[in-house]
């Protein structure tokens, strides 16, 4: 009996997860790329001081993260480097989960900053909360599905 990871349903699920993640990443990246200063403010709202660098990470992060989200989104749409792209998505989601959990633990009443602070971003803004945290955990799970399907697919190609 074939296992679930070799089934058509699993491959379909992985494609849906891959395209969903790509859409979310691209949708989130655009407003942040349009206004990196506003995104830097959203990052600052988390009041997360890192050892050694303090708050000096904010502006480089505000420039780098949206560009990375856009590149990963394009890679996922095209289906290139699925393992690497899904690992990067998982890494980003772990960072987001840590930031959200920290903000929740400190009872910060802020927008998550996920879609920037532009007018469009404000329309779909999410307050930091349990729903937002669970959403990112779901995205982390989806990245795992994409990664696992890419691994299984590669093994299948090698065996053929």
C-alpha atoms as a PDB file:
ATOM      1  CA  UNK A   1       0.000   0.000   0.000  1.00  0.00           C
ATOM      2  CA  UNK A   2       1.521   3.333  -1.038  1.00  0.00           C
ATOM      3  CA  UNK A   3       2.064   5.930   1.649  1.00  0.00           C
ATOM      4  CA  UNK A   4       0.285   9.291   1.663  1.00  0.00           C
ATOM      5  CA  UNK A   5       3.389  11.239   0.592  1.00  0.00           C
ATOM      6  CA  UNK A   6       3.440   9.445  -2.750  1.00  0.00           C
ATOM      7  CA  UNK A   7      -0.247  10.057  -3.433  1.00  0.00           C
ATOM      8  CA  UNK A   8      -1.722  12.519  -5.898  1.00  0.00           C
ATOM      9  CA  UNK A   9      -3.638  14.124  -3.048  1.00  0.00           C
ATOM     10  CA  UNK A  10      -0.404  14.939  -1.213  1.00  0.00           C
ATOM     11  CA  UNK A  11       1.160  16.397  -4.373  1.00  0.00           C
ATOM     12  CA  UNK A  12      -1.978  18.485  -4.935  1.00  0.00           C
ATOM     13  CA  UNK A  13      -1.915  19.650  -1.304  1.00  0.00           C
ATOM     14  CA  UNK A  14       1.741  20.652  -1.703  1.00  0.00           C
ATOM     15  CA  UNK A  15       0.955  22.661  -4.847  1.00  0.00           C
ATOM     16  CA  UNK A  16      -1.906  24.442  -3.080  1.00  0.00           C
ATOM     17  CA  UNK A  17       0.342  25.202  -0.090  1.00  0.00           C
ATOM     18  CA  UNK A  18       3.154  26.402  -2.350  1.00  0.00           C
ATOM     19  CA  UNK A  19       0.921  28.760  -4.321  1.00  0.00           C
ATOM     20  CA  UNK A  20      -0.875  29.998  -1.190  1.00  0.00           C
ATOM     21  CA  UNK A  21       2.426  30.811   0.491  1.00  0.00           C
ATOM     22  CA  UNK A  22       3.679  32.525  -2.670  1.00  0.00           C
ATOM     23  CA  UNK A  23       0.543  34.676  -2.848  1.00  0.00           C
ATOM     24  CA  UNK A  24       0.773  35.646   0.834  1.00  0.00           C
ATOM     25  CA  UNK A  25       4.470  36.486   0.585  1.00  0.00           C
ATOM     26  CA  UNK A  26       4.043  38.601  -2.535  1.00  0.00           C
ATOM     27  CA  UNK A  27       0.935  40.312  -1.163  1.00  0.00           C
ATOM     28  CA  UNK A  28       2.825  41.131   2.029  1.00  0.00           C
ATOM     29  CA  UNK A  29       6.022  42.228   0.280  1.00  0.00           C
ATOM     30  CA  UNK A  30       4.585  44.841  -2.084  1.00  0.00           C
ATOM     31  CA  UNK A  31       3.395  47.471   0.424  1.00  0.00           C
ATOM     32  CA  UNK A  32       6.530  47.010   2.528  1.00  0.00           C
ATOM     33  CA  UNK A  33       8.707  47.524  -0.547  1.00  0.00           C
ATOM     34  CA  UNK A  34       6.712  50.659  -1.386  1.00  0.00           C
ATOM     35  CA  UNK A  35       7.306  52.221   2.040  1.00  0.00           C
ATOM     36  CA  UNK A  36      10.257  50.707   3.901  1.00  0.00           C
ATOM     37  CA  UNK A  37      10.277  53.552   6.446  1.00  0.00           C
ATOM     38  CA  UNK A  38       6.734  52.686   7.522  1.00  0.00           C
ATOM     39  CA  UNK A  39       7.700  49.025   7.755  1.00  0.00           C
ATOM     40  CA  UNK A  40      10.694  49.993   9.900  1.00  0.00           C
ATOM     41  CA  UNK A  41       8.250  51.756  12.224  1.00  0.00           C
ATOM     42  CA  UNK A  42       6.141  48.588  12.399  1.00  0.00           C
ATOM     43  CA  UNK A  43       9.252  46.590  13.342  1.00  0.00           C
ATOM     44  CA  UNK A  44      10.168  49.182  15.967  1.00  0.00           C
ATOM     45  CA  UNK A  45       6.692  48.838  17.514  1.00  0.00           C
ATOM     46  CA  UNK A  46       7.675  45.352  18.701  1.00  0.00           C
ATOM     47  CA  UNK A  47      10.342  46.879  21.005  1.00  0.00           C
ATOM     48  CA  UNK A  48      12.675  43.938  20.460  1.00  0.00           C
ATOM     49  CA  UNK A  49      16.264  44.848  21.291  1.00  0.00           C
ATOM     50  CA  UNK A  50      18.744  42.273  20.032  1.00  0.00           C
ATOM     51  CA  UNK A  51      21.971  41.467  21.870  1.00  0.00           C
ATOM     52  CA  UNK A  52      25.025  43.293  20.520  1.00  0.00           C
ATOM     53  CA  UNK A  53      23.167  45.142  17.705  1.00  0.00           C
ATOM     54  CA  UNK A  54      20.398  46.662  19.827  1.00  0.00           C
ATOM     55  CA  UNK A  55      17.864  48.301  17.500  1.00  0.00           C
ATOM     56  CA  UNK A  56      20.360  48.755  14.642  1.00  0.00           C
ATOM     57  CA  UNK A  57      18.780  45.820  12.793  1.00  0.00           C
ATOM     58  CA  UNK A  58      15.506  47.659  12.098  1.00  0.00           C
ATOM     59  CA  UNK A  59      16.343  49.547   8.892  1.00  0.00           C
ATOM     60  CA  UNK A  60      18.347  46.774   7.226  1.00  0.00           C
ATOM     61  CA  UNK A  61      15.519  44.364   8.115  1.00  0.00           C
ATOM     62  CA  UNK A  62      12.914  46.756   6.689  1.00  0.00           C
ATOM     63  CA  UNK A  63      14.786  46.733   3.372  1.00  0.00           C
ATOM     64  CA  UNK A  64      15.890  43.098   3.266  1.00  0.00           C
ATOM     65  CA  UNK A  65      12.830  41.191   4.521  1.00  0.00           C
ATOM     66  CA  UNK A  66      10.273  42.408   1.930  1.00  0.00           C
ATOM     67  CA  UNK A  67      12.747  41.834  -0.906  1.00  0.00           C
ATOM     68  CA  UNK A  68      13.386  38.333   0.413  1.00  0.00           C
ATOM     69  CA  UNK A  69       9.636  37.677   0.689  1.00  0.00           C
ATOM     70  CA  UNK A  70       9.170  38.756  -2.936  1.00  0.00           C
ATOM     71  CA  UNK A  71      12.006  36.576  -4.236  1.00  0.00           C
ATOM     72  CA  UNK A  72      10.779  33.556  -2.277  1.00  0.00           C
ATOM     73  CA  UNK A  73       7.232  34.164  -3.530  1.00  0.00           C
ATOM     74  CA  UNK A  74       8.421  34.165  -7.143  1.00  0.00           C
ATOM     75  CA  UNK A  75      10.495  31.016  -6.578  1.00  0.00           C
ATOM     76  CA  UNK A  76       7.478  29.258  -5.088  1.00  0.00           C
ATOM     77  CA  UNK A  77       5.223  30.267  -7.977  1.00  0.00           C
ATOM     78  CA  UNK A  78       7.763  29.039 -10.514  1.00  0.00           C
ATOM     79  CA  UNK A  79       8.457  25.885  -8.503  1.00  0.00           C
ATOM     80  CA  UNK A  80      12.220  26.506  -8.456  1.00  0.00           C
ATOM     81  CA  UNK A  81      14.315  25.469  -5.460  1.00  0.00           C
ATOM     82  CA  UNK A  82      11.253  24.346  -3.546  1.00  0.00           C
ATOM     83  CA  UNK A  83      13.242  22.838  -0.681  1.00  0.00           C
ATOM     84  CA  UNK A  84      15.330  25.962  -0.153  1.00  0.00           C
ATOM     85  CA  UNK A  85      12.393  28.330  -0.639  1.00  0.00           C
ATOM     86  CA  UNK A  86      10.225  26.390   1.795  1.00  0.00           C
ATOM     87  CA  UNK A  87      13.047  26.338   4.365  1.00  0.00           C
ATOM     88  CA  UNK A  88      13.348  30.114   4.031  1.00  0.00           C
ATOM     89  CA  UNK A  89       9.578  30.468   4.481  1.00  0.00           C
ATOM     90  CA  UNK A  90       9.789  28.284   7.593  1.00  0.00           C
ATOM     91  CA  UNK A  91      12.640  30.413   8.947  1.00  0.00           C
ATOM     92  CA  UNK A  92      10.715  33.628   8.324  1.00  0.00           C
ATOM     93  CA  UNK A  93       7.613  32.167   9.960  1.00  0.00           C
ATOM     94  CA  UNK A  94       9.605  31.106  13.019  1.00  0.00           C
ATOM     95  CA  UNK A  95      10.898  34.674  13.360  1.00  0.00           C
ATOM     96  CA  UNK A  96       7.375  36.047  12.951  1.00  0.00           C
ATOM     97  CA  UNK A  97       6.002  33.548  15.471  1.00  0.00           C
ATOM     98  CA  UNK A  98       8.685  34.523  17.986  1.00  0.00           C
ATOM     99  CA  UNK A  99       7.963  38.241  17.487  1.00  0.00           C
ATOM    100  CA  UNK A 100       4.201  37.738  17.786  1.00  0.00           C
ATOM    101  CA  UNK A 101       4.557  35.538  20.865  1.00  0.00           C
ATOM    102  CA  UNK A 102       6.814  38.138  22.460  1.00  0.00           C
ATOM    103  CA  UNK A 103       4.346  40.927  21.684  1.00  0.00           C
ATOM    104  CA  UNK A 104       1.474  38.815  23.029  1.00  0.00           C
ATOM    105  CA  UNK A 105       3.371  38.015  26.224  1.00  0.00           C
ATOM    106  CA  UNK A 106       4.021  41.723  26.758  1.00  0.00           C
ATOM    107  CA  UNK A 107       0.410  42.683  25.924  1.00  0.00           C
ATOM    108  CA  UNK A 108       1.447  45.048  23.136  1.00  0.00           C
ATOM    109  CA  UNK A 109      -1.550  46.514  21.316  1.00  0.00           C
ATOM    110  CA  UNK A 110       0.034  46.936  17.877  1.00  0.00           C
ATOM    111  CA  UNK A 111      -0.642  46.006  14.274  1.00  0.00           C
ATOM    112  CA  UNK A 112       1.479  43.080  13.216  1.00  0.00           C
ATOM    113  CA  UNK A 113       3.024  45.057  10.347  1.00  0.00           C
ATOM    114  CA  UNK A 114       2.622  42.046   8.073  1.00  0.00           C
ATOM    115  CA  UNK A 115       1.345  44.094   5.162  1.00  0.00           C
ATOM    116  CA  UNK A 116       3.205  47.304   5.913  1.00  0.00           C
ATOM    117  CA  UNK A 117       1.657  50.524   7.126  1.00  0.00           C
ATOM    118  CA  UNK A 118       0.553  51.883   3.757  1.00  0.00           C
ATOM    119  CA  UNK A 119      -3.108  52.693   3.169  1.00  0.00           C
ATOM    120  CA  UNK A 120      -3.710  49.229   1.697  1.00  0.00           C
ATOM    121  CA  UNK A 121      -1.772  47.620   4.538  1.00  0.00           C
ATOM    122  CA  UNK A 122      -3.897  49.472   7.072  1.00  0.00           C
ATOM    123  CA  UNK A 123      -7.063  48.127   5.437  1.00  0.00           C
ATOM    124  CA  UNK A 124      -6.009  44.530   6.015  1.00  0.00           C
ATOM    125  CA  UNK A 125      -3.911  45.050   9.135  1.00  0.00           C
ATOM    126  CA  UNK A 126      -4.056  42.438  11.828  1.00  0.00           C
ATOM    127  CA  UNK A 127      -3.637  43.264  15.465  1.00  0.00           C
ATOM    128  CA  UNK A 128      -1.110  41.128  17.247  1.00  0.00           C
ATOM    129  CA  UNK A 129      -3.123  38.321  18.780  1.00  0.00           C
ATOM    130  CA  UNK A 130      -3.674  34.613  19.033  1.00  0.00           C
ATOM    131  CA  UNK A 131      -5.396  34.449  15.620  1.00  0.00           C
ATOM    132  CA  UNK A 132      -2.378  36.005  13.935  1.00  0.00           C
ATOM    133  CA  UNK A 133      -0.049  33.642  15.786  1.00  0.00           C
ATOM    134  CA  UNK A 134      -2.092  30.598  14.720  1.00  0.00           C
ATOM    135  CA  UNK A 135      -2.128  31.869  11.141  1.00  0.00           C
ATOM    136  CA  UNK A 136       1.668  31.978  11.066  1.00  0.00           C
ATOM    137  CA  UNK A 137       1.826  28.508  12.606  1.00  0.00           C
ATOM    138  CA  UNK A 138      -0.423  27.316   9.760  1.00  0.00           C
ATOM    139  CA  UNK A 139       1.955  28.933   7.240  1.00  0.00           C
ATOM    140  CA  UNK A 140       4.856  27.156   8.958  1.00  0.00           C
ATOM    141  CA  UNK A 141       2.998  23.854   8.571  1.00  0.00           C
ATOM    142  CA  UNK A 142       2.340  24.656   4.887  1.00  0.00           C
ATOM    143  CA  UNK A 143       6.050  25.324   4.361  1.00  0.00           C
ATOM    144  CA  UNK A 144       6.715  21.909   5.897  1.00  0.00           C
ATOM    145  CA  UNK A 145       4.318  20.272   3.434  1.00  0.00           C
ATOM    146  CA  UNK A 146       6.040  21.993   0.487  1.00  0.00           C
ATOM    147  CA  UNK A 147       9.456  20.966   1.795  1.00  0.00           C
ATOM    148  CA  UNK A 148       8.468  17.363   2.399  1.00  0.00           C
ATOM    149  CA  UNK A 149       6.845  17.018  -1.018  1.00  0.00           C
ATOM    150  CA  UNK A 150      10.007  18.407  -2.646  1.00  0.00           C
ATOM    151  CA  UNK A 151      12.144  15.875  -0.752  1.00  0.00           C
ATOM    152  CA  UNK A 152       9.862  12.971  -1.681  1.00  0.00           C
ATOM    153  CA  UNK A 153       9.705  14.138  -5.295  1.00  0.00           C
ATOM    154  CA  UNK A 154      13.494  14.336  -5.504  1.00  0.00           C
ATOM    155  CA  UNK A 155      13.889  10.842  -4.019  1.00  0.00           C
ATOM    156  CA  UNK A 156      11.371   9.532  -6.522  1.00  0.00           C
ATOM    157  CA  UNK A 157      13.306  11.086  -9.446  1.00  0.00           C
ATOM    158  CA  UNK A 158      16.615   9.662  -8.176  1.00  0.00           C
ATOM    159  CA  UNK A 159      15.144   6.159  -7.876  1.00  0.00           C
ATOM    160  CA  UNK A 160      13.755   6.209 -11.414  1.00  0.00           C
END
